[in-house]
């Protein structure tokens, strides 16, 4: 099975068990992963997904979370979880450690001019035109992102209402992305992909062309498509099937279980494959 990052390679999602036959030349050294509904399950960090993160850490694999979640959550993830870094607010910010200190990277492509005024104007317009709209409960801990909740709390908003909110945001000149729980809007020409690539290059000196064959990406929603397109090896928990008709770029492999349970399954097959690649290298 060839390592193919073309659109055709992502046209059909394969069962996770198919990964055992994938022709992996080198061990996986980096895991890039979405958080909500990928590492978590029903909004919670479950035991198996936390254990999976520790397994990656103990195997020397660096995990970088890539999320549309708030800066406040990103700070907590980095301090509490066994991970390398967090790229958050859809690529606006990066949180990482350096010499024992916690540091924050700010995407230079953010348009900060009149930020508060433009943000407030957008929120007022959305609320006026879409009565059902509401901000995410963690909006208070966001720095550069505006998040309208559509799926993390009841009532769940319909696809038509989500589209209305997205159209208003775009009409006001905002970049947007829809995750499994939020509609994110921000000022600046970047997204999860551009923010992640800029962050790892500036902070770690990593170029995607050098690490894409030793890295994987895990995600579960339409806003992960830019990452599915970028990483030849992309994975998703089973809840991705709920959004399959919205995807142009799809993950290569899909787990049996949803959310954090699926993430744990993905980590196990990655680690097992790494062991086999290691043995093969020794024999060679």
Protein backbone atom coordinates (compact mmCIF):
# COMPACT_ATOMS: atom_id res chain seq x y z
CA UNK A 1 0.00 0.00 0.00
CA UNK A 2 1.58 3.25 -1.11
CA UNK A 3 1.80 6.40 0.98
CA UNK A 4 -0.49 8.61 -1.11
CA UNK A 5 -1.66 12.05 -0.01
CA UNK A 6 -3.88 12.69 -3.03
CA UNK A 7 -7.59 13.50 -2.95
CA UNK A 8 -8.27 10.00 -4.26
CA UNK A 9 -6.43 8.49 -1.30
CA UNK A 10 -8.91 10.19 1.06
CA UNK A 11 -12.01 9.34 -0.97
CA UNK A 12 -12.75 6.14 0.96
CA UNK A 13 -12.30 5.82 4.70
CA UNK A 14 -10.80 2.49 5.71
CA UNK A 15 -11.32 0.47 8.85
CA UNK A 16 -8.63 0.99 11.46
CA UNK A 17 -7.66 -2.68 11.20
CA UNK A 18 -6.39 -1.98 7.66
CA UNK A 19 -3.53 0.04 9.14
CA UNK A 20 -1.67 -3.17 9.92
CA UNK A 21 -1.05 -3.58 6.18
CA UNK A 22 0.04 0.02 5.63
CA UNK A 23 3.59 0.36 4.33
CA UNK A 24 5.17 2.45 7.08
CA UNK A 25 8.83 3.23 6.44
CA UNK A 26 9.63 4.88 9.77
CA UNK A 27 8.14 4.93 13.25
CA UNK A 28 5.51 7.54 14.11
CA UNK A 29 7.11 10.24 16.27
CA UNK A 30 4.41 12.93 16.35
CA UNK A 31 0.66 12.76 16.96
CA UNK A 32 -1.32 15.87 16.07
CA UNK A 33 -4.87 15.65 17.36
CA UNK A 34 -8.12 17.52 17.72
CA UNK A 35 -9.56 17.47 21.25
CA UNK A 36 -13.36 17.76 21.45
CA UNK A 37 -15.06 14.50 20.42
CA UNK A 38 -11.68 13.11 19.35
CA UNK A 39 -9.78 12.79 22.64
CA UNK A 40 -12.91 13.44 24.70
CA UNK A 41 -16.20 11.53 24.73
CA UNK A 42 -19.48 13.32 25.40
CA UNK A 43 -17.52 16.34 26.59
CA UNK A 44 -15.39 14.42 29.09
CA UNK A 45 -11.80 13.20 29.18
CA UNK A 46 -12.26 9.49 29.82
CA UNK A 47 -9.82 7.07 31.44
CA UNK A 48 -8.87 5.23 28.24
CA UNK A 49 -8.01 8.39 26.30
CA UNK A 50 -5.91 9.80 29.16
CA UNK A 51 -4.13 6.46 29.39
CA UNK A 52 -3.56 6.62 25.62
CA UNK A 53 -1.89 10.02 25.98
CA UNK A 54 0.38 8.59 28.67
CA UNK A 55 1.22 5.60 26.45
CA UNK A 56 2.30 7.98 23.69
CA UNK A 57 4.38 9.97 26.14
CA UNK A 58 6.08 6.88 27.55
CA UNK A 59 6.83 5.67 24.02
CA UNK A 60 8.61 8.93 23.25
CA UNK A 61 5.91 10.13 20.83
CA UNK A 62 5.13 13.83 21.08
CA UNK A 63 1.47 14.81 21.07
CA UNK A 64 0.43 18.26 19.86
CA UNK A 65 -3.24 19.08 20.31
CA UNK A 66 -4.83 21.20 17.57
CA UNK A 67 -8.17 22.65 18.59
CA UNK A 68 -10.75 25.34 18.04
CA UNK A 69 -11.14 25.42 21.81
CA UNK A 70 -10.30 28.39 23.99
CA UNK A 71 -6.92 29.61 25.19
CA UNK A 72 -8.08 28.89 28.73
CA UNK A 73 -8.66 25.22 27.96
CA UNK A 74 -5.35 25.01 26.07
CA UNK A 75 -3.47 26.23 29.14
CA UNK A 76 -5.12 23.53 31.24
CA UNK A 77 -4.40 20.79 28.69
CA UNK A 78 -0.71 21.66 28.60
CA UNK A 79 -0.40 21.82 32.39
CA UNK A 80 -2.40 18.67 33.14
CA UNK A 81 -1.93 16.31 30.20
CA UNK A 82 1.26 14.51 29.05
CA UNK A 83 1.48 16.46 25.79
CA UNK A 84 4.08 18.56 23.99
CA UNK A 85 2.02 21.61 23.01
CA UNK A 86 -1.42 22.95 22.07
CA UNK A 87 -2.35 24.98 19.00
CA UNK A 88 -5.64 26.61 19.90
CA UNK A 89 -8.41 28.94 18.79
CA UNK A 90 -8.23 27.54 15.25
CA UNK A 91 -4.55 28.40 14.81
CA UNK A 92 -4.43 31.78 16.56
CA UNK A 93 -2.26 30.70 19.49
CA UNK A 94 0.25 28.08 20.53
CA UNK A 95 1.01 27.04 24.12
CA UNK A 96 4.25 25.22 24.90
CA UNK A 97 6.98 24.72 27.49
CA UNK A 98 10.54 26.03 27.25
CA UNK A 99 13.16 25.53 29.95
CA UNK A 100 10.51 24.75 32.53
CA UNK A 101 8.40 27.79 31.67
CA UNK A 102 4.97 27.91 30.05
CA UNK A 103 4.96 30.14 27.00
CA UNK A 104 2.48 31.48 24.46
CA UNK A 105 2.98 31.94 20.71
CA UNK A 106 0.73 34.39 18.83
CA UNK A 107 0.04 33.89 15.14
CA UNK A 108 1.43 36.95 13.31
CA UNK A 109 -1.40 36.74 10.77
CA UNK A 110 -4.03 37.75 13.30
CA UNK A 111 -5.76 41.02 12.42
CA UNK A 112 -6.00 42.70 15.83
CA UNK A 113 -7.16 46.14 14.62
CA UNK A 114 -10.33 47.20 16.47
CA UNK A 115 -10.69 43.63 17.69
CA UNK A 116 -13.11 44.21 20.57
CA UNK A 117 -15.35 46.54 18.59
CA UNK A 118 -15.57 44.22 15.58
CA UNK A 119 -16.15 41.22 17.83
CA UNK A 120 -18.99 42.91 19.69
CA UNK A 121 -20.58 44.09 16.44
CA UNK A 122 -20.55 40.57 15.02
CA UNK A 123 -22.07 39.03 18.14
CA UNK A 124 -24.86 41.65 18.17
CA UNK A 125 -25.61 41.04 14.49
CA UNK A 126 -25.74 37.26 14.91
CA UNK A 127 -27.98 37.50 17.97
CA UNK A 128 -30.31 39.91 16.17
CA UNK A 129 -30.67 37.82 13.01
CA UNK A 130 -30.55 34.36 14.61
CA UNK A 131 -32.50 34.31 17.89
CA UNK A 132 -31.41 30.74 18.61
CA UNK A 133 -27.71 31.68 18.56
CA UNK A 134 -25.65 31.58 21.73
CA UNK A 135 -22.00 31.97 22.64
CA UNK A 136 -19.97 29.04 23.91
CA UNK A 137 -19.85 28.80 27.69
CA UNK A 138 -16.06 29.24 27.58
CA UNK A 139 -16.13 32.43 25.49
CA UNK A 140 -14.83 34.35 28.50
CA UNK A 141 -11.52 32.46 28.24
CA UNK A 142 -11.00 33.06 24.50
CA UNK A 143 -8.48 35.65 23.35
CA UNK A 144 -8.84 35.94 19.58
CA UNK A 145 -11.71 33.59 18.78
CA UNK A 146 -15.48 33.92 18.86
CA UNK A 147 -17.32 30.64 19.37
CA UNK A 148 -21.03 30.17 18.87
CA UNK A 149 -22.22 26.93 20.46
CA UNK A 150 -24.25 24.56 18.31
CA UNK A 151 -23.59 21.14 19.80
CA UNK A 152 -21.92 21.08 23.23
CA UNK A 153 -25.03 22.02 25.18
CA UNK A 154 -28.79 21.68 24.64
CA UNK A 155 -30.63 22.59 22.54
CA UNK A 156 -28.62 21.26 19.58
CA UNK A 157 -28.90 23.69 16.67
CA UNK A 158 -30.03 22.52 13.23
CA UNK A 159 -27.76 22.56 10.19
CA UNK A 160 -29.82 25.40 8.72
CA UNK A 161 -29.26 27.58 11.78
CA UNK A 162 -25.55 26.76 11.79
CA UNK A 163 -25.37 27.79 8.13
CA UNK A 164 -27.12 31.10 8.89
CA UNK A 165 -24.57 31.93 11.56
CA UNK A 166 -21.67 30.95 9.30
CA UNK A 167 -23.03 33.08 6.46
CA UNK A 168 -23.36 36.13 8.71
CA UNK A 169 -19.79 35.72 9.99
CA UNK A 170 -18.41 35.38 6.48
CA UNK A 171 -20.48 38.33 5.31
CA UNK A 172 -18.81 40.46 7.95
CA UNK A 173 -15.36 39.44 6.73
CA UNK A 174 -14.58 36.80 9.35
CA UNK A 175 -12.85 33.48 8.76
CA UNK A 176 -14.98 30.59 10.01
CA UNK A 177 -14.82 26.90 10.81
CA UNK A 178 -17.42 24.48 12.13
CA UNK A 179 -16.33 21.88 14.66
CA UNK A 180 -18.44 19.14 16.20
CA UNK A 181 -19.63 21.58 18.88
CA UNK A 182 -18.85 25.18 17.84
CA UNK A 183 -18.95 27.67 15.01
CA UNK A 184 -15.64 29.50 15.28
CA UNK A 185 -15.07 32.97 13.83
CA UNK A 186 -11.85 35.01 13.85
CA UNK A 187 -10.00 37.92 12.26
CA UNK A 188 -7.11 36.76 10.11
CA UNK A 189 -6.14 34.69 7.11
CA UNK A 190 -5.27 31.37 8.77
CA UNK A 191 -6.85 28.13 9.94
CA UNK A 192 -5.92 25.02 11.94
CA UNK A 193 -3.46 23.95 9.27
CA UNK A 194 -1.75 27.30 8.67
CA UNK A 195 -1.57 28.04 12.39
CA UNK A 196 -0.14 24.63 13.21
CA UNK A 197 2.50 24.72 10.47
CA UNK A 198 3.57 28.25 11.42
CA UNK A 199 3.78 27.30 15.09
CA UNK A 200 5.86 24.15 14.70
CA UNK A 201 8.21 25.88 12.26
CA UNK A 202 8.82 28.93 14.45
CA UNK A 203 8.97 27.21 17.83
CA UNK A 204 10.40 23.78 16.99
CA UNK A 205 12.05 24.36 13.62
CA UNK A 206 9.90 21.62 12.07
CA UNK A 207 8.86 21.67 8.41
CA UNK A 208 5.81 19.63 7.45
CA UNK A 209 7.60 18.09 4.47
CA UNK A 210 10.18 16.65 6.86
CA UNK A 211 7.81 15.26 9.49
CA UNK A 212 4.60 14.34 7.64
CA UNK A 213 5.76 10.75 7.09
CA UNK A 214 6.52 10.29 10.80
CA UNK A 215 3.35 12.01 12.01
CA UNK A 216 -0.36 11.34 12.15
CA UNK A 217 -3.41 13.52 12.58
CA UNK A 218 -6.61 12.59 14.43
CA UNK A 219 -9.83 14.54 14.05
CA UNK A 220 -13.59 14.15 13.87
CA UNK A 221 -15.18 17.18 12.19
CA UNK A 222 -15.35 19.26 8.99
CA UNK A 223 -12.84 21.78 10.36
CA UNK A 224 -10.28 18.95 10.45
CA UNK A 225 -10.34 18.54 6.68
CA UNK A 226 -7.35 20.86 6.18
CA UNK A 227 -5.38 18.52 8.43
CA UNK A 228 -6.67 15.34 6.76
CA UNK A 229 -5.47 16.84 3.48
CA UNK A 230 -2.05 17.74 4.92
CA UNK A 231 -1.13 14.52 6.71
CA UNK A 232 -0.84 11.33 4.60
CA UNK A 233 -1.67 9.33 7.72
CA UNK A 234 -4.93 10.64 9.15
CA UNK A 235 -7.31 8.96 11.57
CA UNK A 236 -10.73 9.56 13.07
CA UNK A 237 -13.00 8.08 15.72
CA UNK A 238 -16.20 6.51 14.44
CA UNK A 239 -18.30 9.65 15.01
CA UNK A 240 -16.72 11.01 11.80
CA UNK A 241 -19.35 9.00 9.91
CA UNK A 242 -22.00 11.46 11.13
CA UNK A 243 -20.27 14.20 9.14
CA UNK A 244 -19.09 12.14 6.17
CA UNK A 245 -21.37 13.89 3.66
CA UNK A 246 -19.80 17.24 4.62
CA UNK A 247 -16.25 16.11 3.94
CA UNK A 248 -14.21 16.68 0.80
CA UNK A 249 -11.00 15.47 2.45
CA UNK A 250 -11.49 12.44 4.65
CA UNK A 251 -9.32 10.58 7.16
CA UNK A 252 -7.61 7.46 5.87
CA UNK A 253 -8.52 5.21 8.82
CA UNK A 254 -11.52 5.15 11.17
CA UNK A 255 -11.78 3.41 14.53
CA UNK A 256 -14.61 1.17 15.69
CA UNK A 257 -15.56 3.35 18.67
CA UNK A 258 -16.42 7.03 18.97
CA UNK A 259 -14.59 9.89 20.65
CA UNK A 260 -11.99 9.10 23.27
CA UNK A 261 -12.67 5.37 23.04
CA UNK A 262 -11.78 5.53 19.36
CA UNK A 263 -8.72 7.64 20.09
CA UNK A 264 -7.49 4.94 22.47
CA UNK A 265 -7.97 2.32 19.74
CA UNK A 266 -6.00 4.48 17.30
CA UNK A 267 -3.12 4.93 19.75
CA UNK A 268 -2.92 1.19 20.38
CA UNK A 269 -2.60 0.33 16.68
CA UNK A 270 -0.04 3.11 16.19
CA UNK A 271 2.09 1.79 19.04
CA UNK A 272 1.79 -1.83 17.85
CA UNK A 273 2.79 -0.82 14.33
CA UNK A 274 5.74 1.15 15.67
CA UNK A 275 7.01 -1.95 17.46
CA UNK A 276 6.87 -3.96 14.24
CA UNK A 277 8.64 -1.22 12.27
CA UNK A 278 11.33 -1.12 14.97
CA UNK A 279 11.92 -4.87 14.72
CA UNK A 280 12.04 -4.66 10.94
CA UNK A 281 14.67 -1.90 11.13
CA UNK A 282 16.83 -3.96 13.48
CA UNK A 283 16.71 -6.96 11.17
CA UNK A 284 17.66 -4.72 8.25
